[in-house]
Protein backbone atom coordinates (compact mmCIF):
# COMPACT_ATOMS: atom_id res chain seq x y z
CA UNK A 1 21.46 57.08 -61.21
CA UNK A 2 24.05 54.55 -62.40
CA UNK A 3 24.71 50.91 -61.60
CA UNK A 4 27.56 50.67 -59.09
CA UNK A 5 28.78 47.48 -60.78
CA UNK A 6 28.94 48.39 -64.50
CA UNK A 7 28.05 52.13 -64.60
CA UNK A 8 25.05 51.67 -66.90
CA UNK A 9 22.07 54.08 -66.45
CA UNK A 10 19.65 52.78 -63.79
CA UNK A 11 16.38 54.10 -62.33
CA UNK A 12 15.66 53.90 -58.58
CA UNK A 13 12.71 51.53 -58.90
CA UNK A 14 14.66 48.85 -60.83
CA UNK A 15 15.54 45.91 -58.54
CA UNK A 16 18.38 44.77 -60.86
CA UNK A 17 20.65 46.35 -63.48
CA UNK A 18 19.30 45.56 -67.03
CA UNK A 19 22.89 45.54 -68.36
CA UNK A 20 24.82 43.30 -65.87
CA UNK A 21 22.01 41.94 -63.64
CA UNK A 22 23.59 43.21 -60.41
CA UNK A 23 21.14 44.08 -57.56
CA UNK A 24 20.15 47.72 -57.23
CA UNK A 25 21.47 48.85 -53.81
CA UNK A 26 20.31 52.43 -54.13
CA UNK A 27 18.58 53.96 -51.07
CA UNK A 28 15.16 54.18 -52.70
CA UNK A 29 14.98 50.39 -53.25
CA UNK A 30 15.89 49.51 -49.59
CA UNK A 31 12.85 51.09 -48.03
CA UNK A 32 10.52 48.06 -48.41
CA UNK A 33 13.17 45.79 -46.82
CA UNK A 34 13.66 48.12 -43.88
CA UNK A 35 9.90 48.37 -43.33
CA UNK A 36 9.64 44.56 -43.40
CA UNK A 37 12.42 44.17 -40.81
CA UNK A 38 10.82 46.75 -38.54
CA UNK A 39 7.48 44.92 -38.69
CA UNK A 40 9.11 41.55 -37.92
CA UNK A 41 10.96 43.06 -34.95
CA UNK A 42 7.75 44.51 -33.57
CA UNK A 43 6.01 41.13 -33.83
CA UNK A 44 8.91 39.41 -32.05
CA UNK A 45 8.84 41.93 -29.21
CA UNK A 46 5.07 41.51 -28.84
CA UNK A 47 5.40 37.68 -28.69
CA UNK A 48 8.16 37.89 -26.10
CA UNK A 49 6.06 40.21 -23.96
CA UNK A 50 3.06 37.87 -24.22
CA UNK A 51 5.22 34.88 -23.16
CA UNK A 52 6.48 36.76 -20.08
CA UNK A 53 2.88 37.63 -19.11
CA UNK A 54 1.84 33.95 -19.58
CA UNK A 55 4.65 32.66 -17.37
CA UNK A 56 3.95 35.27 -14.70
CA UNK A 57 0.23 34.54 -14.60
CA UNK A 58 0.77 30.75 -14.44
CA UNK A 59 3.19 30.65 -11.52
CA UNK A 60 1.88 28.80 -8.45
CA UNK A 61 0.36 31.51 -6.31
CA UNK A 62 0.32 29.42 -3.14
CA UNK A 63 3.61 27.67 -2.27
CA UNK A 64 1.98 25.78 0.62
CA UNK A 65 -0.05 23.36 -1.53
CA UNK A 66 0.88 20.00 -3.01
CA UNK A 67 0.55 19.25 -6.71
CA UNK A 68 -2.28 16.73 -6.26
CA UNK A 69 -6.02 16.90 -6.03
CA UNK A 70 -7.70 14.04 -4.15
CA UNK A 71 -8.32 12.13 -7.40
CA UNK A 72 -4.74 12.62 -8.64
CA UNK A 73 -3.36 11.54 -5.26
CA UNK A 74 -5.49 8.36 -5.46
CA UNK A 75 -4.13 7.55 -8.93
CA UNK A 76 -0.53 8.12 -7.80
CA UNK A 77 -0.93 5.95 -4.68
CA UNK A 78 -2.40 3.09 -6.75
CA UNK A 79 0.39 3.44 -9.32
CA UNK A 80 3.04 3.07 -6.63
CA UNK A 81 1.20 0.22 -4.88
CA UNK A 82 0.69 -1.55 -8.20
CA UNK A 83 -2.98 -2.25 -7.48
CA UNK A 84 -6.31 -0.44 -7.24
CA UNK A 85 -6.05 -0.28 -3.43
CA UNK A 86 -7.69 3.12 -3.04
CA UNK A 87 -11.02 3.73 -4.77
CA UNK A 88 -12.04 7.26 -5.69
CA UNK A 89 -15.70 6.77 -4.78
CA UNK A 90 -14.86 5.80 -1.18
CA UNK A 91 -13.49 9.22 -0.18
CA UNK A 92 -15.65 11.33 2.12
CA UNK A 93 -14.95 14.77 0.61
CA UNK A 94 -15.95 18.23 1.85
CA UNK A 95 -14.77 21.66 0.68
CA UNK A 96 -11.69 21.59 2.90
CA UNK A 97 -10.86 17.94 3.58
CA UNK A 98 -11.16 14.35 2.37
CA UNK A 99 -11.10 11.18 4.49
CA UNK A 100 -10.52 7.56 3.37
CA UNK A 101 -11.03 4.71 5.87
CA UNK A 102 -9.49 1.36 4.97
CA UNK A 103 -9.84 -0.87 8.03
CA UNK A 104 -6.26 -0.80 9.33
CA UNK A 105 -5.58 2.73 8.13
CA UNK A 106 -7.19 6.11 7.64
CA UNK A 107 -5.96 8.84 5.30
CA UNK A 108 -6.92 12.48 5.81
CA UNK A 109 -6.29 15.22 3.25
CA UNK A 110 -6.46 18.94 4.06
CA UNK A 111 -7.67 20.65 0.87
CA UNK A 112 -7.60 24.19 -0.47
CA UNK A 113 -11.20 25.36 -0.66
CA UNK A 114 -11.10 26.67 -4.25
CA UNK A 115 -8.52 24.55 -6.05
CA UNK A 116 -9.04 21.35 -4.01
CA UNK A 117 -5.26 20.95 -3.98
CA UNK A 118 -3.80 19.00 -1.05
CA UNK A 119 -2.20 21.11 1.68
CA UNK A 120 -1.34 18.28 4.09
CA UNK A 121 -1.66 14.50 4.34
CA UNK A 122 -2.19 12.56 7.57
CA UNK A 123 -2.16 8.76 7.88
CA UNK A 124 -3.00 6.70 10.94
CA UNK A 125 -3.26 4.92 13.21
CA UNK A 126 0.53 4.93 13.20
CA UNK A 127 0.88 1.69 15.17
CA UNK A 128 -0.69 -0.43 12.40
CA UNK A 129 1.65 -1.86 9.80
CA UNK A 130 -0.76 -1.21 6.93
CA UNK A 131 -1.10 2.42 8.03
CA UNK A 132 2.69 2.80 8.18
CA UNK A 133 2.94 1.38 4.66
CA UNK A 134 0.30 3.85 3.45
CA UNK A 135 2.19 6.71 5.11
CA UNK A 136 5.41 5.63 3.37
CA UNK A 137 3.64 5.47 0.00
CA UNK A 138 2.15 8.93 0.62
CA UNK A 139 5.65 10.32 1.17
CA UNK A 140 6.81 8.65 -2.05
CA UNK A 141 3.81 10.06 -3.93
CA UNK A 142 4.64 13.68 -3.12
CA UNK A 143 8.41 13.38 -2.89
CA UNK A 144 10.19 11.85 -5.90
CA UNK A 145 13.56 11.78 -4.12
CA UNK A 146 12.47 9.53 -1.23
CA UNK A 147 12.61 5.76 -1.77
CA UNK A 148 10.50 3.16 0.02
CA UNK A 149 13.34 2.22 2.34
CA UNK A 150 14.08 5.85 3.17
CA UNK A 151 10.42 6.57 3.87
CA UNK A 152 10.04 3.57 6.21
CA UNK A 153 13.29 4.44 7.99
CA UNK A 154 12.15 8.03 8.47
CA UNK A 155 8.81 6.88 9.92
CA UNK A 156 10.66 4.52 12.26
CA UNK A 157 12.94 7.35 13.43
CA UNK A 158 9.89 9.46 14.25
CA UNK A 159 8.16 6.59 16.07
CA UNK A 160 11.24 5.83 18.16
CA UNK A 161 11.67 9.54 19.00
CA UNK A 162 15.05 9.62 17.30
CA UNK A 163 13.88 12.72 15.42
CA UNK A 164 11.11 15.26 15.96
CA UNK A 165 10.76 16.12 12.29
CA UNK A 166 12.00 14.83 8.93
CA UNK A 167 12.70 17.54 6.36
CA UNK A 168 13.10 16.33 2.78
CA UNK A 169 13.32 18.50 -0.33
CA UNK A 170 9.66 18.03 -1.25
CA UNK A 171 8.13 16.90 2.04
CA UNK A 172 8.19 17.48 5.79
CA UNK A 173 7.08 14.57 8.00
CA UNK A 174 6.05 14.81 11.64
CA UNK A 175 4.35 12.46 14.11
CA UNK A 176 1.28 13.50 16.05
CA UNK A 177 1.58 11.11 18.99
CA UNK A 178 -1.70 12.18 20.56
CA UNK A 179 -3.62 11.09 17.47
CA UNK A 180 -1.08 8.42 16.42
CA UNK A 181 -0.93 9.87 12.93
CA UNK A 182 1.91 10.67 10.55
CA UNK A 183 1.50 14.13 9.05
CA UNK A 184 3.10 14.99 5.70
CA UNK A 185 3.33 18.62 4.60
CA UNK A 186 5.04 20.35 1.64
CA UNK A 187 8.80 20.91 1.73
CA UNK A 188 10.73 23.67 0.01
CA UNK A 189 9.61 22.51 -3.43
CA UNK A 190 6.84 20.40 -4.96
CA UNK A 191 7.01 17.81 -7.71
CA UNK A 192 5.05 14.71 -8.69
CA UNK A 193 6.94 11.47 -8.30
CA UNK A 194 7.37 9.58 -11.56
CA UNK A 195 9.53 6.62 -10.60
CA UNK A 196 8.32 5.66 -7.14
CA UNK A 197 7.61 1.94 -6.82
CA UNK A 198 6.57 0.03 -3.72
CA UNK A 199 8.19 -3.40 -3.42
CA UNK A 200 6.83 -6.53 -1.82
CA UNK A 201 9.99 -7.11 0.21
CA UNK A 202 10.10 -5.21 3.53
CA UNK A 203 12.78 -2.52 3.42
CA UNK A 204 13.10 -2.17 7.18
CA UNK A 205 11.26 -3.01 10.38
CA UNK A 206 7.97 -1.16 10.43
CA UNK A 207 7.67 1.18 13.42
CA UNK A 208 5.31 0.84 16.36
CA UNK A 209 4.32 4.14 17.93
CA UNK A 210 4.72 4.66 21.65
CA UNK A 211 3.77 7.70 23.67
CA UNK A 212 6.21 6.92 26.48
CA UNK A 213 9.04 9.32 27.05
CA UNK A 214 12.51 7.94 26.33
CA UNK A 215 14.36 6.98 29.50
CA UNK A 216 17.91 8.03 30.22
CA UNK A 217 20.27 5.12 30.82
CA UNK A 218 22.86 5.81 33.51
CA UNK A 219 26.42 4.78 32.63
CA UNK A 220 27.81 1.77 34.45
CA UNK A 221 31.30 0.49 35.01
CA UNK A 222 30.22 -3.12 35.40
CA UNK A 223 31.42 -5.65 32.88
CA UNK A 224 28.73 -6.57 30.35
CA UNK A 225 27.17 -9.96 30.95
CA UNK A 226 26.50 -12.44 28.20
CA UNK A 227 22.76 -12.97 27.88
CA UNK A 228 21.48 -16.49 27.44
CA UNK A 229 19.30 -17.15 24.39
CA UNK A 230 15.64 -16.54 25.21
CA UNK A 231 13.96 -18.29 22.28
CA UNK A 232 13.63 -21.73 23.85
CA UNK A 233 12.19 -20.55 27.20
CA UNK A 234 9.79 -18.27 25.33
CA UNK A 235 8.74 -21.15 23.10
CA UNK A 236 8.14 -23.40 26.10
CA UNK A 237 6.13 -20.68 27.85
CA UNK A 238 4.09 -20.13 24.71
CA UNK A 239 3.33 -23.85 24.36
CA UNK A 240 2.21 -24.01 27.99
CA UNK A 241 -0.13 -21.06 27.45
CA UNK A 242 -1.51 -22.56 24.23
CA UNK A 243 -2.11 -25.93 25.91
CA UNK A 244 -3.92 -24.28 28.82
CA UNK A 245 -6.16 -22.42 26.39
CA UNK A 246 -6.98 -25.59 24.42
CA UNK A 247 -7.78 -27.57 27.57
CA UNK A 248 -10.07 -24.79 28.82
CA UNK A 249 -11.85 -24.30 25.48
CA UNK A 250 -12.32 -27.80 24.10
CA UNK A 251 -15.88 -27.09 22.97
CA UNK A 252 -14.59 -24.45 20.53
CA UNK A 253 -12.74 -27.17 18.64
CA UNK A 254 -14.57 -30.45 19.26
CA UNK A 255 -18.27 -31.14 18.56
CA UNK A 256 -18.85 -34.58 20.05
CA UNK A 257 -22.47 -34.88 18.93
CA UNK A 258 -22.19 -33.75 15.33
CA UNK A 259 -20.37 -35.79 12.74
CA UNK A 260 -20.77 -32.94 10.24
CA UNK A 261 -18.33 -30.93 12.32
CA UNK A 262 -16.16 -33.86 13.30
CA UNK A 263 -15.26 -34.42 9.66
CA UNK A 264 -13.97 -30.87 9.45
CA UNK A 265 -11.93 -30.82 12.66
CA UNK A 266 -9.07 -33.07 11.60
CA UNK A 267 -6.87 -30.29 10.19
CA UNK A 268 -7.91 -27.21 12.12
CA UNK A 269 -4.84 -26.35 14.30
CA UNK A 270 -1.17 -25.61 13.53
CA UNK A 271 1.87 -24.07 15.21
CA UNK A 272 4.38 -22.08 13.17
CA UNK A 273 6.53 -18.97 13.59
CA UNK A 274 4.93 -16.48 11.20
CA UNK A 275 6.63 -13.21 12.21
CA UNK A 276 10.21 -14.41 12.62
CA UNK A 277 10.53 -13.76 16.37
CA UNK A 278 11.55 -17.35 17.13
CA UNK A 279 8.26 -18.27 18.83
CA UNK A 280 5.50 -20.26 17.11
CA UNK A 281 2.12 -18.69 16.56
CA UNK A 282 -1.01 -20.74 17.28
CA UNK A 283 -3.17 -20.80 14.12
CA UNK A 284 -6.60 -22.36 14.24
CA UNK A 285 -10.00 -22.59 12.57
CA UNK A 286 -13.08 -22.87 14.77
CA UNK A 287 -16.63 -23.80 13.78
CA UNK A 288 -19.92 -22.37 14.99
CA UNK A 289 -23.34 -23.80 15.73
CA UNK A 290 -25.11 -26.42 13.65
CA UNK A 291 -27.56 -23.97 12.09
CA UNK A 292 -25.05 -21.50 10.69
CA UNK A 293 -21.71 -22.90 9.66
CA UNK A 294 -19.45 -20.11 10.87
CA UNK A 295 -15.73 -20.37 10.38
CA UNK A 296 -13.34 -18.07 12.23
CA UNK A 297 -9.62 -17.87 11.47
CA UNK A 298 -7.81 -17.09 14.72
CA UNK A 299 -4.09 -16.44 15.25
CA UNK A 300 -2.70 -16.38 18.77
CA UNK A 301 0.86 -15.48 19.76
CA UNK A 302 2.95 -15.21 22.90
CA UNK A 303 4.28 -11.73 23.61
CA UNK A 304 5.62 -9.98 26.71
CA UNK A 305 4.91 -12.98 28.91
CA UNK A 306 1.32 -13.64 27.89
CA UNK A 307 -0.80 -15.20 25.18
CA UNK A 308 -2.35 -12.57 22.91
CA UNK A 309 -4.90 -12.64 20.09
CA UNK A 310 -3.34 -11.24 16.94
CA UNK A 311 -6.24 -11.94 14.60
CA UNK A 312 -9.77 -13.30 14.98
CA UNK A 313 -12.09 -12.80 12.03
CA UNK A 314 -14.96 -14.75 10.50
CA UNK A 315 -13.94 -16.24 7.16
CA UNK A 316 -17.52 -17.04 6.17
CA UNK A 317 -20.99 -17.62 7.49
CA UNK A 318 -23.63 -19.36 5.38
CA UNK A 319 -26.44 -21.65 6.45
CA UNK A 320 -25.78 -25.20 5.31
CA UNK A 321 -22.67 -24.17 3.42
CA UNK A 322 -20.43 -26.92 2.08
CA UNK A 323 -17.40 -24.67 2.16
CA UNK A 324 -13.78 -25.62 1.61
CA UNK A 325 -10.71 -23.69 2.62
CA UNK A 326 -6.92 -23.64 2.53
CA UNK A 327 -4.71 -21.64 4.89
CA UNK A 328 -1.03 -21.86 4.01
CA UNK A 329 2.33 -20.10 3.98
CA UNK A 330 4.91 -19.73 1.24
CA UNK A 331 8.70 -20.11 1.51
CA UNK A 332 8.92 -16.71 3.27
CA UNK A 333 6.22 -17.61 5.81
CA UNK A 334 3.80 -15.24 4.08
CA UNK A 335 0.27 -16.25 5.04
CA UNK A 336 -2.60 -16.76 2.58
CA UNK A 337 -6.12 -18.14 2.64
CA UNK A 338 -8.39 -19.37 -0.15
CA UNK A 339 -11.97 -19.88 1.03
CA UNK A 340 -14.76 -21.16 -1.23
CA UNK A 341 -18.42 -21.34 -0.21
CA UNK A 342 -20.17 -20.61 -3.48
CA UNK A 343 -18.31 -17.33 -3.53
CA UNK A 344 -14.53 -17.37 -3.21
CA UNK A 345 -12.09 -15.07 -1.40
CA UNK A 346 -8.30 -15.03 -1.84
CA UNK A 347 -6.61 -13.12 1.01
CA UNK A 348 -3.04 -12.26 1.98
CA UNK A 349 -2.10 -11.58 5.62
CA UNK A 350 0.75 -9.46 6.93
CA UNK A 351 1.81 -10.84 10.33
CA UNK A 352 3.53 -8.28 12.54
CA UNK A 353 4.88 -8.45 16.05
CA UNK A 354 1.48 -8.22 17.74
CA UNK A 355 -1.05 -7.63 14.96
CA UNK A 356 -2.15 -9.10 11.65
CA UNK A 357 -3.49 -7.07 8.73
CA UNK A 358 -5.25 -8.49 5.69
CA UNK A 359 -5.48 -7.63 2.00
CA UNK A 360 -8.20 -9.10 -0.21
CA UNK A 361 -6.35 -10.07 -3.38
CA UNK A 362 -9.23 -11.42 -5.46
CA UNK A 363 -12.81 -12.60 -5.11
CA UNK A 364 -15.63 -14.37 -6.83
CA UNK A 365 -19.05 -13.09 -5.78
CA UNK A 366 -22.14 -15.27 -6.17
CA UNK A 367 -25.59 -13.88 -5.36
CA UNK A 368 -28.58 -16.16 -4.96
CA UNK A 369 -28.79 -19.89 -5.51
CA UNK A 370 -31.04 -20.10 -8.58
CA UNK A 371 -28.24 -19.37 -11.06
CA UNK A 372 -30.06 -16.38 -12.56
CA UNK A 373 -27.29 -13.96 -11.55
CA UNK A 374 -23.89 -14.81 -13.05
CA UNK A 375 -20.87 -14.70 -10.72
CA UNK A 376 -18.64 -11.61 -10.73
CA UNK A 377 -14.88 -11.99 -10.65
CA UNK A 378 -12.29 -9.40 -9.63
CA UNK A 379 -8.56 -9.15 -8.93
CA UNK A 380 -7.29 -6.20 -6.91
CA UNK A 381 -10.72 -4.59 -7.18
CA UNK A 382 -10.79 -4.74 -11.00
CA UNK A 383 -13.24 -6.93 -12.92
CA UNK A 384 -11.75 -9.96 -14.71
CA UNK A 385 -13.01 -13.01 -16.58
CA UNK A 386 -13.59 -16.40 -14.98
CA UNK A 387 -10.49 -17.86 -16.63
CA UNK A 388 -8.33 -14.95 -15.46
CA UNK A 389 -9.63 -15.43 -11.92
CA UNK A 390 -8.99 -19.18 -11.97
CA UNK A 391 -5.46 -18.66 -13.35
CA UNK A 392 -4.72 -16.15 -10.58
CA UNK A 393 -6.15 -18.50 -7.95
CA UNK A 394 -3.88 -21.28 -9.20
CA UNK A 395 -0.91 -18.89 -9.16
CA UNK A 396 -1.51 -18.08 -5.47
CA UNK A 397 -2.13 -21.74 -4.63
CA UNK A 398 1.16 -22.70 -6.30
CA UNK A 399 2.98 -20.56 -3.71
CA UNK A 400 1.87 -22.90 -0.93
CA UNK A 401 4.79 -24.54 0.85
CA UNK A 402 3.20 -25.50 4.17
CA UNK A 403 -0.52 -25.94 4.82
CA UNK A 404 -1.60 -24.86 8.32
CA UNK A 405 -5.36 -25.53 8.23
CA UNK A 406 -7.47 -26.98 5.43
CA UNK A 407 -10.64 -28.82 4.46
CA UNK A 408 -11.69 -30.39 1.17
CA UNK A 409 -14.70 -32.61 0.58
CA UNK A 410 -13.52 -36.23 0.74
CA UNK A 411 -9.93 -35.04 0.79
CA UNK A 412 -7.11 -36.68 2.70
CA UNK A 413 -5.13 -33.50 3.09
CA UNK A 414 -1.81 -32.36 1.71
CA UNK A 415 1.62 -33.92 1.93
CA UNK A 416 3.08 -30.61 3.12
CA UNK A 417 0.49 -30.13 5.87
CA UNK A 418 1.35 -29.55 9.54
CA UNK A 419 -2.35 -29.22 10.46
CA UNK A 420 -3.58 -31.19 13.48
CA UNK A 421 -6.79 -32.17 15.21
CA UNK A 422 -7.56 -30.95 18.72
CA UNK A 423 -6.27 -34.11 20.40
CA UNK A 424 -3.12 -34.20 18.28
CA UNK A 425 -2.43 -30.54 19.05
CA UNK A 426 -2.71 -31.13 22.79
CA UNK A 427 -0.35 -34.13 22.59
CA UNK A 428 2.09 -32.05 20.51
CA UNK A 429 2.18 -29.26 23.11
CA UNK A 430 2.67 -31.66 26.00
CA UNK A 431 5.83 -33.20 24.50
């Protein structure tokens, strides 16, 4: 055998020519290279086959489930809401469903028995604003292409019977009017939302569910008439109803025999439009008996020709308590209360057309009176330090633009207060 480059004698097992150094390209020397290439090819084919098997085995076997378990859904809802609103330990979970009750809303999850993946979400009652908000956030959690405004608009369309069903890419929304619940099921595809954010500004008017059938309006050839503004007559009617209530329930507001109460009645009533309908709400604080100092925050309104109670809840009850409180609104008429009676609660209220829902923003919890148990502080359900709590309390208090009801020990009130005593409120309504 000779070198193909210089012609010098060359044996088959020499990798290079000893005369010129050229590589030996004879057939006998190529066998190891060919064997190596064959082995590499076999390995590549085996890896490709294994990858195909992996992908096949890991495809979702059931296209009718959502991506979330109950715990993952809770995390996603809290991420969108920006607070620890839902708590994982408050779910009532069985093999096939999970239920979360939150006062003004209830969330139900239909679960796959083995995987515990969510098959359907229901939120109700659908005529509560907090429940509608939770339904909108649930849509956003499972559907990354639906914004807050779109979700609220879709829920409103269902409530007003404009549509029977909303079909999005990742979600299908229906309204069960019998149970007053929004039901959210998977769409044609599933995907976890990564950019959904709930805002504090309302995107649209929240819907109120009705079970009445829509009526058909007959066409008319009459010329349209110009309607007179109704705000002033409604306001006058509301004031008359409020005055009648005060005159018939004087003992709820005035304690003639007890100076302890009399000191706290000077700033207990106010009138202000809180929901933007042009008619003032009647906001008041009422005290209980002399043994247990009970304070109720009550909000009345005038709707559909009658006085209604929108909210009536006890703020605190503690024997001999020297409590103080502030009830105020910010520049957007958003309602807040800060109540201190050893413990301290900071609450935000969402005033709708006929109802009021509440959200506890932060609290200080004091147990016992001997000082052996240190207070616990939390914001949005998460533990914080005393200084963090006090800073947050000051931040909320700084929002105050108009005080509606308030009491401080030896305080003369606030310059921005519209709070009145019982007698002053009656005189105000008579004018």
